[in-house]
């Protein structure tokens, strides 16, 4: 290398920020897994189905995908940002900020009332700089599913769905029919409802992936209903690895998880954008979120 080569400005590779397509999903999953996260083809297919114009990638000439982010809309009441990943050897170059700006611009353009996300420790500085504030902690609980004695909930049937969706709207306070329907369609054998005196008192959905079973959403009016649902789910997946993400302010969910052989793992920081008010949910009724990427 001669003197002129050493002193010439370095030419940056061409990089394109664009909307994700279904063809990008395998490369996105490989990218996400390269940073140690567990995500599968079905997960990103869901994100893209829920927001076909709100998931983004950065593509580099000669390299392929080096960044991704998803948004999940709940009408205009709530928008969730997730799946923000930049290739390890392309970090600290402003790419995460570019992806976040695309996600935020999309949700703001839709006149979204509140924008939220669940952050890892690594992402906190960026999110704070972009105007997010910390509002809570989400705890990951994990363990091997076992069987416990006691009353059970029942398998959710198609004719239960409207009652479950209505209960969820009362407890979550924001309509998410599209989220529940997709999970029920994909995993009909991992869906339960607790019916007492002819009324739905709670429900639990779960999904299976290469690294085990993830429980959520898990919603119930009472501790007794919540336990019937958890007991039923754990019996159905006995021996498998189970993961559940619990809002730290829900002592009921933490006690039940501990009582049923699950152990607390890492924490995530729940954040909201700007000064928008938080969703008016029933905090003790939300025992587990759907996922970190979708809220």
C-alpha atoms as a PDB file:
ATOM      1  CA  UNK A   1       0.000   0.000   0.000  1.00  0.00           C
ATOM      2  CA  UNK A   2       1.532   3.351  -1.025  1.00  0.00           C
ATOM      3  CA  UNK A   3       1.218   6.728   0.698  1.00  0.00           C
ATOM      4  CA  UNK A   4      -1.702   7.840  -1.470  1.00  0.00           C
ATOM      5  CA  UNK A   5      -3.688   4.689  -0.649  1.00  0.00           C
ATOM      6  CA  UNK A   6      -3.097   5.186   3.081  1.00  0.00           C
ATOM      7  CA  UNK A   7      -4.272   8.804   3.076  1.00  0.00           C
ATOM      8  CA  UNK A   8      -7.204   8.566   0.664  1.00  0.00           C
ATOM      9  CA  UNK A   9     -10.674   8.842   2.241  1.00  0.00           C
ATOM     10  CA  UNK A  10     -12.130   5.416   2.931  1.00  0.00           C
ATOM     11  CA  UNK A  11     -15.012   4.533   0.612  1.00  0.00           C
ATOM     12  CA  UNK A  12     -17.977   3.286   2.635  1.00  0.00           C
ATOM     13  CA  UNK A  13     -19.954   0.409   1.104  1.00  0.00           C
ATOM     14  CA  UNK A  14     -23.368   1.226  -0.343  1.00  0.00           C
ATOM     15  CA  UNK A  15     -26.144   0.714   2.217  1.00  0.00           C
ATOM     16  CA  UNK A  16     -29.871   0.812   1.587  1.00  0.00           C
ATOM     17  CA  UNK A  17     -32.598   1.194   4.196  1.00  0.00           C
ATOM     18  CA  UNK A  18     -35.812  -0.341   2.862  1.00  0.00           C
ATOM     19  CA  UNK A  19     -39.014  -2.104   3.801  1.00  0.00           C
ATOM     20  CA  UNK A  20     -38.645  -5.788   4.619  1.00  0.00           C
ATOM     21  CA  UNK A  21     -40.141  -8.374   2.281  1.00  0.00           C
ATOM     22  CA  UNK A  22     -40.957 -12.067   2.862  1.00  0.00           C
ATOM     23  CA  UNK A  23     -37.795 -12.981   0.935  1.00  0.00           C
ATOM     24  CA  UNK A  24     -35.733 -11.201   3.612  1.00  0.00           C
ATOM     25  CA  UNK A  25     -36.963 -13.378   6.468  1.00  0.00           C
ATOM     26  CA  UNK A  26     -34.293 -16.156   6.322  1.00  0.00           C
ATOM     27  CA  UNK A  27     -31.456 -13.602   6.234  1.00  0.00           C
ATOM     28  CA  UNK A  28     -33.088 -11.615   9.043  1.00  0.00           C
ATOM     29  CA  UNK A  29     -33.337 -14.708  11.232  1.00  0.00           C
ATOM     30  CA  UNK A  30     -29.669 -15.515  10.567  1.00  0.00           C
ATOM     31  CA  UNK A  31     -28.752 -11.945  11.494  1.00  0.00           C
ATOM     32  CA  UNK A  32     -30.760 -12.027  14.719  1.00  0.00           C
ATOM     33  CA  UNK A  33     -29.286 -15.379  15.710  1.00  0.00           C
ATOM     34  CA  UNK A  34     -25.770 -14.049  15.041  1.00  0.00           C
ATOM     35  CA  UNK A  35     -26.092 -11.716  18.039  1.00  0.00           C
ATOM     36  CA  UNK A  36     -27.267 -14.508  20.346  1.00  0.00           C
ATOM     37  CA  UNK A  37     -31.006 -13.914  20.168  1.00  0.00           C
ATOM     38  CA  UNK A  38     -33.394 -16.758  19.473  1.00  0.00           C
ATOM     39  CA  UNK A  39     -35.812 -15.984  16.674  1.00  0.00           C
ATOM     40  CA  UNK A  40     -37.335 -18.163  13.984  1.00  0.00           C
ATOM     41  CA  UNK A  41     -38.860 -17.893  10.543  1.00  0.00           C
ATOM     42  CA  UNK A  42     -42.380 -18.066  11.977  1.00  0.00           C
ATOM     43  CA  UNK A  43     -41.694 -15.169  14.364  1.00  0.00           C
ATOM     44  CA  UNK A  44     -40.663 -12.796  11.578  1.00  0.00           C
ATOM     45  CA  UNK A  45     -43.444 -14.022   9.324  1.00  0.00           C
ATOM     46  CA  UNK A  46     -45.839 -12.923  12.069  1.00  0.00           C
ATOM     47  CA  UNK A  47     -44.222  -9.497  12.490  1.00  0.00           C
ATOM     48  CA  UNK A  48     -44.376  -8.913   8.747  1.00  0.00           C
ATOM     49  CA  UNK A  49     -47.990 -10.089   8.539  1.00  0.00           C
ATOM     50  CA  UNK A  50     -48.981  -7.713  11.354  1.00  0.00           C
ATOM     51  CA  UNK A  51     -47.111  -4.785   9.803  1.00  0.00           C
ATOM     52  CA  UNK A  52     -46.199  -5.375   6.138  1.00  0.00           C
ATOM     53  CA  UNK A  53     -45.079  -1.770   5.643  1.00  0.00           C
ATOM     54  CA  UNK A  54     -43.578  -1.288   9.103  1.00  0.00           C
ATOM     55  CA  UNK A  55     -40.635  -3.717   9.211  1.00  0.00           C
ATOM     56  CA  UNK A  56     -37.293  -2.510   7.865  1.00  0.00           C
ATOM     57  CA  UNK A  57     -33.855  -3.811   6.932  1.00  0.00           C
ATOM     58  CA  UNK A  58     -30.534  -2.273   5.970  1.00  0.00           C
ATOM     59  CA  UNK A  59     -28.821  -4.013   3.077  1.00  0.00           C
ATOM     60  CA  UNK A  60     -25.129  -3.555   2.271  1.00  0.00           C
ATOM     61  CA  UNK A  61     -23.698  -4.014  -1.212  1.00  0.00           C
ATOM     62  CA  UNK A  62     -21.781  -7.269  -1.445  1.00  0.00           C
ATOM     63  CA  UNK A  63     -22.765  -8.315   2.065  1.00  0.00           C
ATOM     64  CA  UNK A  64     -26.533  -8.558   2.329  1.00  0.00           C
ATOM     65  CA  UNK A  65     -28.665  -7.696   5.367  1.00  0.00           C
ATOM     66  CA  UNK A  66     -26.826  -6.029   8.247  1.00  0.00           C
ATOM     67  CA  UNK A  67     -29.750  -4.595  10.243  1.00  0.00           C
ATOM     68  CA  UNK A  68     -33.424  -5.134  11.032  1.00  0.00           C
ATOM     69  CA  UNK A  69     -36.321  -3.720  13.053  1.00  0.00           C
ATOM     70  CA  UNK A  70     -40.044  -4.464  13.339  1.00  0.00           C
ATOM     71  CA  UNK A  71     -43.114  -2.519  14.355  1.00  0.00           C
ATOM     72  CA  UNK A  72     -46.385  -4.017  15.570  1.00  0.00           C
ATOM     73  CA  UNK A  73     -49.453  -1.751  15.455  1.00  0.00           C
ATOM     74  CA  UNK A  74     -52.482  -2.037  17.713  1.00  0.00           C
ATOM     75  CA  UNK A  75     -54.660   0.261  15.641  1.00  0.00           C
ATOM     76  CA  UNK A  76     -53.642   3.823  16.493  1.00  0.00           C
ATOM     77  CA  UNK A  77     -53.758   3.221  20.268  1.00  0.00           C
ATOM     78  CA  UNK A  78     -50.340   1.573  20.545  1.00  0.00           C
ATOM     79  CA  UNK A  79     -47.317   0.755  18.418  1.00  0.00           C
ATOM     80  CA  UNK A  80     -44.549  -1.614  19.484  1.00  0.00           C
ATOM     81  CA  UNK A  81     -40.963  -1.597  18.224  1.00  0.00           C
ATOM     82  CA  UNK A  82     -38.918  -4.799  18.343  1.00  0.00           C
ATOM     83  CA  UNK A  83     -36.311  -6.886  16.609  1.00  0.00           C
ATOM     84  CA  UNK A  84     -33.729  -4.089  16.405  1.00  0.00           C
ATOM     85  CA  UNK A  85     -30.502  -5.838  15.431  1.00  0.00           C
ATOM     86  CA  UNK A  86     -27.288  -4.676  13.733  1.00  0.00           C
ATOM     87  CA  UNK A  87     -24.578  -7.126  12.644  1.00  0.00           C
ATOM     88  CA  UNK A  88     -21.834  -7.257  15.308  1.00  0.00           C
ATOM     89  CA  UNK A  89     -19.133  -5.963  12.942  1.00  0.00           C
ATOM     90  CA  UNK A  90     -21.351  -3.080  11.762  1.00  0.00           C
ATOM     91  CA  UNK A  91     -22.348  -1.694  15.144  1.00  0.00           C
ATOM     92  CA  UNK A  92     -21.485   1.820  16.376  1.00  0.00           C
ATOM     93  CA  UNK A  93     -21.914   3.231  12.872  1.00  0.00           C
ATOM     94  CA  UNK A  94     -25.339   4.844  13.336  1.00  0.00           C
ATOM     95  CA  UNK A  95     -27.268   1.994  11.724  1.00  0.00           C
ATOM     96  CA  UNK A  96     -29.383   1.261  14.781  1.00  0.00           C
ATOM     97  CA  UNK A  97     -30.424   4.906  14.898  1.00  0.00           C
ATOM     98  CA  UNK A  98     -31.387   4.822  11.191  1.00  0.00           C
ATOM     99  CA  UNK A  99     -33.565   1.768  11.732  1.00  0.00           C
ATOM    100  CA  UNK A 100     -35.190   3.270  14.815  1.00  0.00           C
ATOM    101  CA  UNK A 101     -35.944   6.502  12.967  1.00  0.00           C
ATOM    102  CA  UNK A 102     -37.668   4.505  10.220  1.00  0.00           C
ATOM    103  CA  UNK A 103     -39.761   2.642  12.803  1.00  0.00           C
ATOM    104  CA  UNK A 104     -40.651   5.806  14.710  1.00  0.00           C
ATOM    105  CA  UNK A 105     -41.500   7.749  11.558  1.00  0.00           C
ATOM    106  CA  UNK A 106     -43.836   4.957  10.444  1.00  0.00           C
ATOM    107  CA  UNK A 107     -45.702   4.865  13.748  1.00  0.00           C
ATOM    108  CA  UNK A 108     -45.865   8.654  14.072  1.00  0.00           C
ATOM    109  CA  UNK A 109     -47.204   8.948  10.515  1.00  0.00           C
ATOM    110  CA  UNK A 110     -49.962   6.510  11.496  1.00  0.00           C
ATOM    111  CA  UNK A 111     -50.854   8.922  14.340  1.00  0.00           C
ATOM    112  CA  UNK A 112     -50.029   6.280  16.944  1.00  0.00           C
ATOM    113  CA  UNK A 113     -51.006   7.510  20.400  1.00  0.00           C
ATOM    114  CA  UNK A 114     -48.181   5.765  22.270  1.00  0.00           C
ATOM    115  CA  UNK A 115     -45.028   3.959  21.146  1.00  0.00           C
ATOM    116  CA  UNK A 116     -43.320   1.412  23.386  1.00  0.00           C
ATOM    117  CA  UNK A 117     -40.582  -1.218  23.425  1.00  0.00           C
ATOM    118  CA  UNK A 118     -38.782  -3.664  25.709  1.00  0.00           C
ATOM    119  CA  UNK A 119     -35.050  -2.934  25.798  1.00  0.00           C
ATOM    120  CA  UNK A 120     -31.934  -4.936  26.489  1.00  0.00           C
ATOM    121  CA  UNK A 121     -29.203  -3.195  28.464  1.00  0.00           C
ATOM    122  CA  UNK A 122     -27.228  -2.724  25.238  1.00  0.00           C
ATOM    123  CA  UNK A 123     -30.051  -0.779  23.622  1.00  0.00           C
ATOM    124  CA  UNK A 124     -30.839   1.560  26.521  1.00  0.00           C
ATOM    125  CA  UNK A 125     -28.440   4.404  25.571  1.00  0.00           C
ATOM    126  CA  UNK A 126     -29.836   4.640  22.036  1.00  0.00           C
ATOM    127  CA  UNK A 127     -33.458   4.546  23.152  1.00  0.00           C
ATOM    128  CA  UNK A 128     -32.873   7.201  25.809  1.00  0.00           C
ATOM    129  CA  UNK A 129     -31.155   9.417  23.243  1.00  0.00           C
ATOM    130  CA  UNK A 130     -34.153   9.061  20.918  1.00  0.00           C
ATOM    131  CA  UNK A 131     -36.594  10.200  23.600  1.00  0.00           C
ATOM    132  CA  UNK A 132     -37.779   6.995  25.291  1.00  0.00           C
ATOM    133  CA  UNK A 133     -38.333   6.931  29.034  1.00  0.00           C
ATOM    134  CA  UNK A 134     -38.133   3.943  31.385  1.00  0.00           C
ATOM    135  CA  UNK A 135     -41.457   2.823  32.827  1.00  0.00           C
ATOM    136  CA  UNK A 136     -40.913  -0.686  34.196  1.00  0.00           C
ATOM    137  CA  UNK A 137     -39.128  -4.025  34.120  1.00  0.00           C
ATOM    138  CA  UNK A 138     -40.010  -7.233  32.314  1.00  0.00           C
ATOM    139  CA  UNK A 139     -38.578 -10.398  33.891  1.00  0.00           C
ATOM    140  CA  UNK A 140     -37.803 -13.578  31.993  1.00  0.00           C
ATOM    141  CA  UNK A 141     -38.667 -16.768  33.892  1.00  0.00           C
ATOM    142  CA  UNK A 142     -37.581 -20.162  32.579  1.00  0.00           C
ATOM    143  CA  UNK A 143     -37.596 -23.823  33.524  1.00  0.00           C
ATOM    144  CA  UNK A 144     -38.650 -27.349  32.663  1.00  0.00           C
ATOM    145  CA  UNK A 145     -42.412 -27.911  32.585  1.00  0.00           C
ATOM    146  CA  UNK A 146     -43.779 -30.290  35.206  1.00  0.00           C
ATOM    147  CA  UNK A 147     -47.220 -31.555  36.201  1.00  0.00           C
ATOM    148  CA  UNK A 148     -48.990 -30.279  39.327  1.00  0.00           C
ATOM    149  CA  UNK A 149     -52.165 -31.372  41.083  1.00  0.00           C
ATOM    150  CA  UNK A 150     -55.239 -29.198  41.020  1.00  0.00           C
ATOM    151  CA  UNK A 151     -58.133 -27.972  38.846  1.00  0.00           C
ATOM    152  CA  UNK A 152     -57.517 -27.409  35.148  1.00  0.00           C
ATOM    153  CA  UNK A 153     -58.606 -24.910  32.539  1.00  0.00           C
ATOM    154  CA  UNK A 154     -60.046 -26.158  29.235  1.00  0.00           C
ATOM    155  CA  UNK A 155     -58.686 -26.245  25.708  1.00  0.00           C
ATOM    156  CA  UNK A 156     -59.699 -23.142  23.780  1.00  0.00           C
ATOM    157  CA  UNK A 157     -62.079 -23.940  20.922  1.00  0.00           C
ATOM    158  CA  UNK A 158     -62.916 -21.732  17.919  1.00  0.00           C
ATOM    159  CA  UNK A 159     -66.271 -20.909  19.462  1.00  0.00           C
ATOM    160  CA  UNK A 160     -64.487 -19.562  22.567  1.00  0.00           C
ATOM    161  CA  UNK A 161     -62.550 -16.998  20.591  1.00  0.00           C
ATOM    162  CA  UNK A 162     -64.980 -14.084  20.638  1.00  0.00           C
ATOM    163  CA  UNK A 163     -65.439 -14.388  24.403  1.00  0.00           C
ATOM    164  CA  UNK A 164     -61.654 -14.502  24.838  1.00  0.00           C
ATOM    165  CA  UNK A 165     -61.137 -11.492  22.564  1.00  0.00           C
ATOM    166  CA  UNK A 166     -63.750  -9.529  24.491  1.00  0.00           C
ATOM    167  CA  UNK A 167     -62.165 -10.479  27.830  1.00  0.00           C
ATOM    168  CA  UNK A 168     -58.770  -9.443  26.500  1.00  0.00           C
ATOM    169  CA  UNK A 169     -60.110  -6.066  25.412  1.00  0.00           C
ATOM    170  CA  UNK A 170     -61.438  -5.500  28.936  1.00  0.00           C
ATOM    171  CA  UNK A 171     -58.178  -6.549  30.607  1.00  0.00           C
ATOM    172  CA  UNK A 172     -55.611  -5.224  28.108  1.00  0.00           C
ATOM    173  CA  UNK A 173     -57.800  -2.198  27.250  1.00  0.00           C
ATOM    174  CA  UNK A 174     -56.541  -2.155  23.663  1.00  0.00           C
ATOM    175  CA  UNK A 175     -57.983  -4.343  20.920  1.00  0.00           C
ATOM    176  CA  UNK A 176     -55.502  -6.948  19.663  1.00  0.00           C
ATOM    177  CA  UNK A 177     -57.782  -9.355  17.856  1.00  0.00           C
ATOM    178  CA  UNK A 178     -55.194  -9.788  15.071  1.00  0.00           C
ATOM    179  CA  UNK A 179     -52.490 -10.907  17.512  1.00  0.00           C
ATOM    180  CA  UNK A 180     -54.666 -13.444  19.294  1.00  0.00           C
ATOM    181  CA  UNK A 181     -56.168 -14.863  16.109  1.00  0.00           C
ATOM    182  CA  UNK A 182     -52.775 -15.441  14.480  1.00  0.00           C
ATOM    183  CA  UNK A 183     -51.387 -17.268  17.524  1.00  0.00           C
ATOM    184  CA  UNK A 184     -54.508 -19.381  17.899  1.00  0.00           C
ATOM    185  CA  UNK A 185     -54.422 -20.310  14.205  1.00  0.00           C
ATOM    186  CA  UNK A 186     -50.764 -21.346  14.399  1.00  0.00           C
ATOM    187  CA  UNK A 187     -50.886 -23.132  17.757  1.00  0.00           C
ATOM    188  CA  UNK A 188     -54.427 -24.397  18.411  1.00  0.00           C
ATOM    189  CA  UNK A 189     -53.068 -27.083  20.741  1.00  0.00           C
ATOM    190  CA  UNK A 190     -51.384 -24.443  22.964  1.00  0.00           C
ATOM    191  CA  UNK A 191     -54.413 -22.309  23.806  1.00  0.00           C
ATOM    192  CA  UNK A 192     -56.563 -22.537  26.934  1.00  0.00           C
ATOM    193  CA  UNK A 193     -59.447 -20.658  28.480  1.00  0.00           C
ATOM    194  CA  UNK A 194     -60.680 -20.722  32.070  1.00  0.00           C
ATOM    195  CA  UNK A 195     -64.473 -20.671  32.195  1.00  0.00           C
ATOM    196  CA  UNK A 196     -66.207 -20.156  35.533  1.00  0.00           C
ATOM    197  CA  UNK A 197     -69.989 -19.934  35.932  1.00  0.00           C
ATOM    198  CA  UNK A 198     -70.341 -19.746  32.169  1.00  0.00           C
ATOM    199  CA  UNK A 199     -67.983 -16.784  31.791  1.00  0.00           C
ATOM    200  CA  UNK A 200     -64.378 -16.609  30.563  1.00  0.00           C
ATOM    201  CA  UNK A 201     -62.257 -15.572  33.542  1.00  0.00           C
ATOM    202  CA  UNK A 202     -58.857 -15.915  31.895  1.00  0.00           C
ATOM    203  CA  UNK A 203     -56.929 -17.363  28.991  1.00  0.00           C
ATOM    204  CA  UNK A 204     -53.403 -18.415  28.066  1.00  0.00           C
ATOM    205  CA  UNK A 205     -51.754 -18.777  24.656  1.00  0.00           C
ATOM    206  CA  UNK A 206     -48.354 -20.317  24.001  1.00  0.00           C
ATOM    207  CA  UNK A 207     -46.170 -21.037  21.008  1.00  0.00           C
ATOM    208  CA  UNK A 208     -43.518 -23.605  20.282  1.00  0.00           C
ATOM    209  CA  UNK A 209     -40.144 -22.849  18.672  1.00  0.00           C
ATOM    210  CA  UNK A 210     -36.764 -24.508  18.310  1.00  0.00           C
ATOM    211  CA  UNK A 211     -35.736 -23.477  21.828  1.00  0.00           C
ATOM    212  CA  UNK A 212     -38.879 -24.583  23.649  1.00  0.00           C
ATOM    213  CA  UNK A 213     -42.286 -23.158  24.516  1.00  0.00           C
ATOM    214  CA  UNK A 214     -43.003 -19.491  25.193  1.00  0.00           C
ATOM    215  CA  UNK A 215     -46.069 -18.663  27.268  1.00  0.00           C
ATOM    216  CA  UNK A 216     -47.925 -15.446  26.539  1.00  0.00           C
ATOM    217  CA  UNK A 217     -50.226 -13.670  26.524  1.00  0.00           C
ATOM    218  CA  UNK A 218     -51.434 -14.985  29.880  1.00  0.00           C
ATOM    219  CA  UNK A 219     -54.382 -12.961  31.201  1.00  0.00           C
ATOM    220  CA  UNK A 220     -56.750 -13.643  34.107  1.00  0.00           C
ATOM    221  CA  UNK A 221     -58.965 -11.805  36.563  1.00  0.00           C
ATOM    222  CA  UNK A 222     -57.934 -13.851  39.609  1.00  0.00           C
ATOM    223  CA  UNK A 223     -54.949 -15.734  40.987  1.00  0.00           C
ATOM    224  CA  UNK A 224     -56.991 -18.947  41.009  1.00  0.00           C
ATOM    225  CA  UNK A 225     -57.813 -18.589  37.314  1.00  0.00           C
ATOM    226  CA  UNK A 226     -54.208 -17.727  36.492  1.00  0.00           C
ATOM    227  CA  UNK A 227     -52.988 -20.853  38.270  1.00  0.00           C
ATOM    228  CA  UNK A 228     -55.495 -23.136  36.575  1.00  0.00           C
ATOM    229  CA  UNK A 229     -54.268 -21.858  33.219  1.00  0.00           C
ATOM    230  CA  UNK A 230     -50.575 -22.187  34.037  1.00  0.00           C
ATOM    231  CA  UNK A 231     -51.041 -25.664  35.507  1.00  0.00           C
ATOM    232  CA  UNK A 232     -52.858 -26.806  32.367  1.00  0.00           C
ATOM    233  CA  UNK A 233     -50.228 -25.363  30.040  1.00  0.00           C
ATOM    234  CA  UNK A 234     -47.316 -26.902  31.935  1.00  0.00           C
ATOM    235  CA  UNK A 235     -48.986 -30.311  31.942  1.00  0.00           C
ATOM    236  CA  UNK A 236     -49.487 -30.117  28.160  1.00  0.00           C
ATOM    237  CA  UNK A 237     -45.790 -29.433  27.521  1.00  0.00           C
ATOM    238  CA  UNK A 238     -44.390 -31.537  30.359  1.00  0.00           C
ATOM    239  CA  UNK A 239     -40.617 -32.012  30.099  1.00  0.00           C
ATOM    240  CA  UNK A 240     -40.114 -29.171  27.605  1.00  0.00           C
ATOM    241  CA  UNK A 241     -38.207 -25.966  28.269  1.00  0.00           C
ATOM    242  CA  UNK A 242     -40.619 -23.137  29.064  1.00  0.00           C
ATOM    243  CA  UNK A 243     -40.094 -19.366  28.970  1.00  0.00           C
ATOM    244  CA  UNK A 244     -42.432 -16.611  30.156  1.00  0.00           C
ATOM    245  CA  UNK A 245     -41.954 -12.810  30.260  1.00  0.00           C
ATOM    246  CA  UNK A 246     -43.588 -11.253  33.305  1.00  0.00           C
ATOM    247  CA  UNK A 247     -44.147  -7.579  34.189  1.00  0.00           C
ATOM    248  CA  UNK A 248     -42.168  -7.098  37.412  1.00  0.00           C
ATOM    249  CA  UNK A 249     -45.076  -5.306  39.075  1.00  0.00           C
ATOM    250  CA  UNK A 250     -47.233  -8.443  38.836  1.00  0.00           C
ATOM    251  CA  UNK A 251     -46.418 -10.234  42.088  1.00  0.00           C
ATOM    252  CA  UNK A 252     -49.126 -12.793  41.352  1.00  0.00           C
ATOM    253  CA  UNK A 253     -47.347 -14.002  38.200  1.00  0.00           C
ATOM    254  CA  UNK A 254     -43.958 -14.066  39.906  1.00  0.00           C
ATOM    255  CA  UNK A 255     -45.256 -16.184  42.793  1.00  0.00           C
ATOM    256  CA  UNK A 256     -47.046 -18.620  40.499  1.00  0.00           C
ATOM    257  CA  UNK A 257     -43.974 -19.007  38.279  1.00  0.00           C
ATOM    258  CA  UNK A 258     -41.745 -19.655  41.268  1.00  0.00           C
ATOM    259  CA  UNK A 259     -44.234 -22.136  42.725  1.00  0.00           C
ATOM    260  CA  UNK A 260     -44.247 -24.048  39.426  1.00  0.00           C
ATOM    261  CA  UNK A 261     -40.517 -24.635  39.082  1.00  0.00           C
ATOM    262  CA  UNK A 262     -39.606 -21.625  36.932  1.00  0.00           C
ATOM    263  CA  UNK A 263     -36.546 -19.521  37.758  1.00  0.00           C
ATOM    264  CA  UNK A 264     -35.975 -15.841  37.147  1.00  0.00           C
ATOM    265  CA  UNK A 265     -33.411 -15.056  34.445  1.00  0.00           C
ATOM    266  CA  UNK A 266     -32.482 -11.759  32.823  1.00  0.00           C
ATOM    267  CA  UNK A 267     -34.461  -8.523  32.959  1.00  0.00           C
ATOM    268  CA  UNK A 268     -35.543  -6.117  30.217  1.00  0.00           C
ATOM    269  CA  UNK A 269     -36.492  -2.459  30.518  1.00  0.00           C
ATOM    270  CA  UNK A 270     -39.924  -1.392  29.333  1.00  0.00           C
ATOM    271  CA  UNK A 271     -39.852   2.059  27.726  1.00  0.00           C
ATOM    272  CA  UNK A 272     -42.325   4.563  26.276  1.00  0.00           C
ATOM    273  CA  UNK A 273     -41.659   7.275  23.724  1.00  0.00           C
ATOM    274  CA  UNK A 274     -41.983  10.884  24.789  1.00  0.00           C
ATOM    275  CA  UNK A 275     -44.573  11.859  27.365  1.00  0.00           C
ATOM    276  CA  UNK A 276     -47.518   9.879  26.022  1.00  0.00           C
ATOM    277  CA  UNK A 277     -49.710   8.334  28.757  1.00  0.00           C
ATOM    278  CA  UNK A 278     -49.391   4.628  29.393  1.00  0.00           C
ATOM    279  CA  UNK A 279     -52.078   2.170  28.254  1.00  0.00           C
ATOM    280  CA  UNK A 280     -54.844   1.934  30.891  1.00  0.00           C
ATOM    281  CA  UNK A 281     -54.468  -1.829  31.414  1.00  0.00           C
ATOM    282  CA  UNK A 282     -55.369  -3.965  34.423  1.00  0.00           C
ATOM    283  CA  UNK A 283     -51.816  -4.562  35.758  1.00  0.00           C
ATOM    284  CA  UNK A 284     -52.591  -7.591  37.923  1.00  0.00           C
ATOM    285  CA  UNK A 285     -54.495  -9.258  35.068  1.00  0.00           C
ATOM    286  CA  UNK A 286     -51.531  -9.263  32.661  1.00  0.00           C
ATOM    287  CA  UNK A 287     -49.435 -12.133  33.979  1.00  0.00           C
ATOM    288  CA  UNK A 288     -47.289 -12.518  30.860  1.00  0.00           C
ATOM    289  CA  UNK A 289     -46.748 -10.381  27.777  1.00  0.00           C
ATOM    290  CA  UNK A 290     -47.000 -11.830  24.287  1.00  0.00           C
ATOM    291  CA  UNK A 291     -43.341 -11.253  23.443  1.00  0.00           C
ATOM    292  CA  UNK A 292     -40.546  -8.735  23.889  1.00  0.00           C
ATOM    293  CA  UNK A 293     -40.810  -7.807  20.203  1.00  0.00           C
ATOM    294  CA  UNK A 294     -44.551  -7.138  20.222  1.00  0.00           C
ATOM    295  CA  UNK A 295     -45.495  -6.240  23.784  1.00  0.00           C
END
